[in-house]
Protein backbone atom coordinates (compact mmCIF):
# COMPACT_ATOMS: atom_id res chain seq x y z
CA MET A 1 6.57 -45.16 67.35
CA LEU A 2 7.89 -41.64 67.78
CA ASP A 3 7.52 -42.56 71.66
CA PHE A 4 10.92 -44.03 71.89
CA PHE A 5 12.40 -40.92 71.06
CA ILE A 6 10.72 -38.74 73.40
CA SER A 7 11.45 -41.08 76.60
CA GLN A 8 15.18 -40.84 75.39
CA ALA A 9 15.19 -36.95 75.70
CA HIS A 10 13.44 -37.15 79.09
CA ALA A 11 16.32 -39.74 80.17
CA GLN A 12 18.81 -37.68 79.27
CA GLY A 13 17.65 -35.26 82.23
CA GLY A 14 17.75 -31.57 82.79
CA GLY A 15 18.28 -30.76 78.91
CA GLY A 16 14.59 -29.63 78.88
CA ALA A 17 14.96 -27.74 81.96
CA ALA A 18 18.17 -25.72 80.69
CA ALA A 19 15.97 -24.84 77.60
CA GLY A 20 13.39 -23.13 79.28
CA GLY A 21 15.19 -21.40 81.15
CA GLY A 22 17.54 -20.02 78.44
CA ILE A 23 13.95 -19.21 76.76
CA ALA A 24 12.71 -17.39 79.67
CA GLN A 25 15.97 -15.32 80.04
CA ILE A 26 15.73 -14.26 76.55
CA ALA A 27 11.78 -12.99 76.62
CA LEU A 28 13.05 -11.04 79.86
CA LEU A 29 15.88 -9.65 77.82
CA VAL A 30 13.51 -8.37 74.74
CA GLY A 31 11.02 -7.42 77.39
CA PHE A 32 13.50 -4.81 78.80
CA VAL A 33 14.68 -4.26 75.26
CA LEU A 34 10.79 -3.04 74.21
CA ILE A 35 10.25 -0.91 77.65
CA PHE A 36 13.56 0.90 76.72
CA TYR A 37 12.34 1.59 73.62
CA PHE A 38 8.96 2.47 74.06
CA LEU A 39 9.44 4.78 77.46
CA LEU A 40 12.79 6.20 76.53
CA TRP A 41 14.07 6.15 72.79
CA ARG A 42 10.92 6.70 70.98
CA PRO A 43 9.41 9.56 72.45
CA GLN A 44 13.20 11.27 72.91
CA SER A 45 13.50 10.96 68.95
CA LYS A 46 10.56 12.14 68.80
CA ARG A 47 11.01 15.94 70.82
CA ALA A 48 14.17 15.79 68.65
CA LYS A 49 12.31 15.27 65.57
CA GLU A 50 10.24 18.13 66.52
CA HIS A 51 12.49 20.56 67.59
CA LYS A 52 14.41 20.35 64.51
CA LYS A 53 11.25 20.71 62.54
CA LEU A 54 10.63 24.18 64.64
CA ILE A 55 14.34 25.49 64.04
CA SER A 56 13.82 24.88 60.28
CA ASN A 57 10.44 27.07 59.91
CA LEU A 58 11.91 29.98 62.22
CA ALA A 59 11.77 33.28 60.34
CA ASN A 60 11.75 36.99 60.66
CA GLY A 61 8.99 38.58 63.02
CA ASP A 62 8.86 35.06 64.75
CA GLU A 63 8.34 35.61 68.74
CA ILE A 64 10.72 33.04 70.52
CA VAL A 65 11.76 31.89 73.85
CA ILE A 66 15.19 30.31 74.32
CA GLY A 67 16.53 27.95 76.84
CA GLY A 68 17.58 30.58 79.85
CA GLY A 69 14.25 32.07 79.62
CA LEU A 70 14.92 35.03 77.12
CA VAL A 71 11.58 35.97 74.98
CA GLY A 72 12.31 38.03 71.85
CA ARG A 73 11.76 38.46 68.25
CA VAL A 74 13.58 37.07 65.41
CA THR A 75 15.22 39.80 63.08
CA LYS A 76 17.47 37.96 61.09
CA VAL A 77 17.76 34.10 60.31
CA HIS A 78 21.26 32.72 59.47
CA GLU A 79 22.50 29.12 59.02
CA GLU A 80 23.08 28.37 62.88
CA PHE A 81 22.33 31.67 64.21
CA LEU A 82 19.83 34.00 64.84
CA THR A 83 19.40 37.42 66.05
CA MET A 84 17.03 38.45 68.50
CA GLU A 85 15.45 41.64 69.42
CA ILE A 86 15.01 41.56 73.31
CA ALA A 87 14.66 45.33 73.67
CA GLU A 88 14.06 48.18 71.20
CA GLY A 89 17.23 48.57 69.85
CA THR A 90 18.82 45.40 71.41
CA GLU A 91 19.30 42.59 69.69
CA VAL A 92 21.38 39.43 70.62
CA ASN A 93 22.92 36.75 68.33
CA VAL A 94 21.84 33.35 69.38
CA GLN A 95 22.29 29.49 68.40
CA LYS A 96 19.22 28.14 66.64
CA ASN A 97 19.41 25.20 68.99
CA ALA A 98 19.05 27.51 72.37
CA VAL A 99 15.49 28.21 70.78
CA ALA A 100 12.57 26.35 73.08
CA ALA A 101 9.65 27.49 71.80
CA VAL A 102 7.90 29.85 69.46
CA LEU A 103 5.31 32.01 71.06
CA PRO A 104 1.59 32.70 69.51
CA LYS A 105 2.18 36.25 67.42
CA GLY A 106 1.08 39.33 69.66
CA THR A 107 2.77 37.86 72.63
CA LEU A 108 5.27 40.39 72.98
CA LYS A 109 3.29 43.96 72.47
CA SER A 110 6.01 46.30 74.00
CA LEU A 111 9.06 45.11 71.76
């Protein structure tokens, strides 16, 4: 009894092929979005979260390296800036966002 409706759908022609092509295009688009998410967006947001945690945990006495390669010890921590001693008696103010990494204690012996 339902065979009558199925044969009518095939008789109209082209409708099934266009729908299959549309589904394939949607699947391809979804695939690209998933690839973009897992290869680009997710790792970047993870790195940003780790950097934010690193900056919020800065304290006096931490040995750090900033983005330009300058190495020193934190002497004062403010809201958006910190004071870093790069040599004995030489201090510079640096934005917290410039901090690239916190070094293990004892890395800087001659400060």
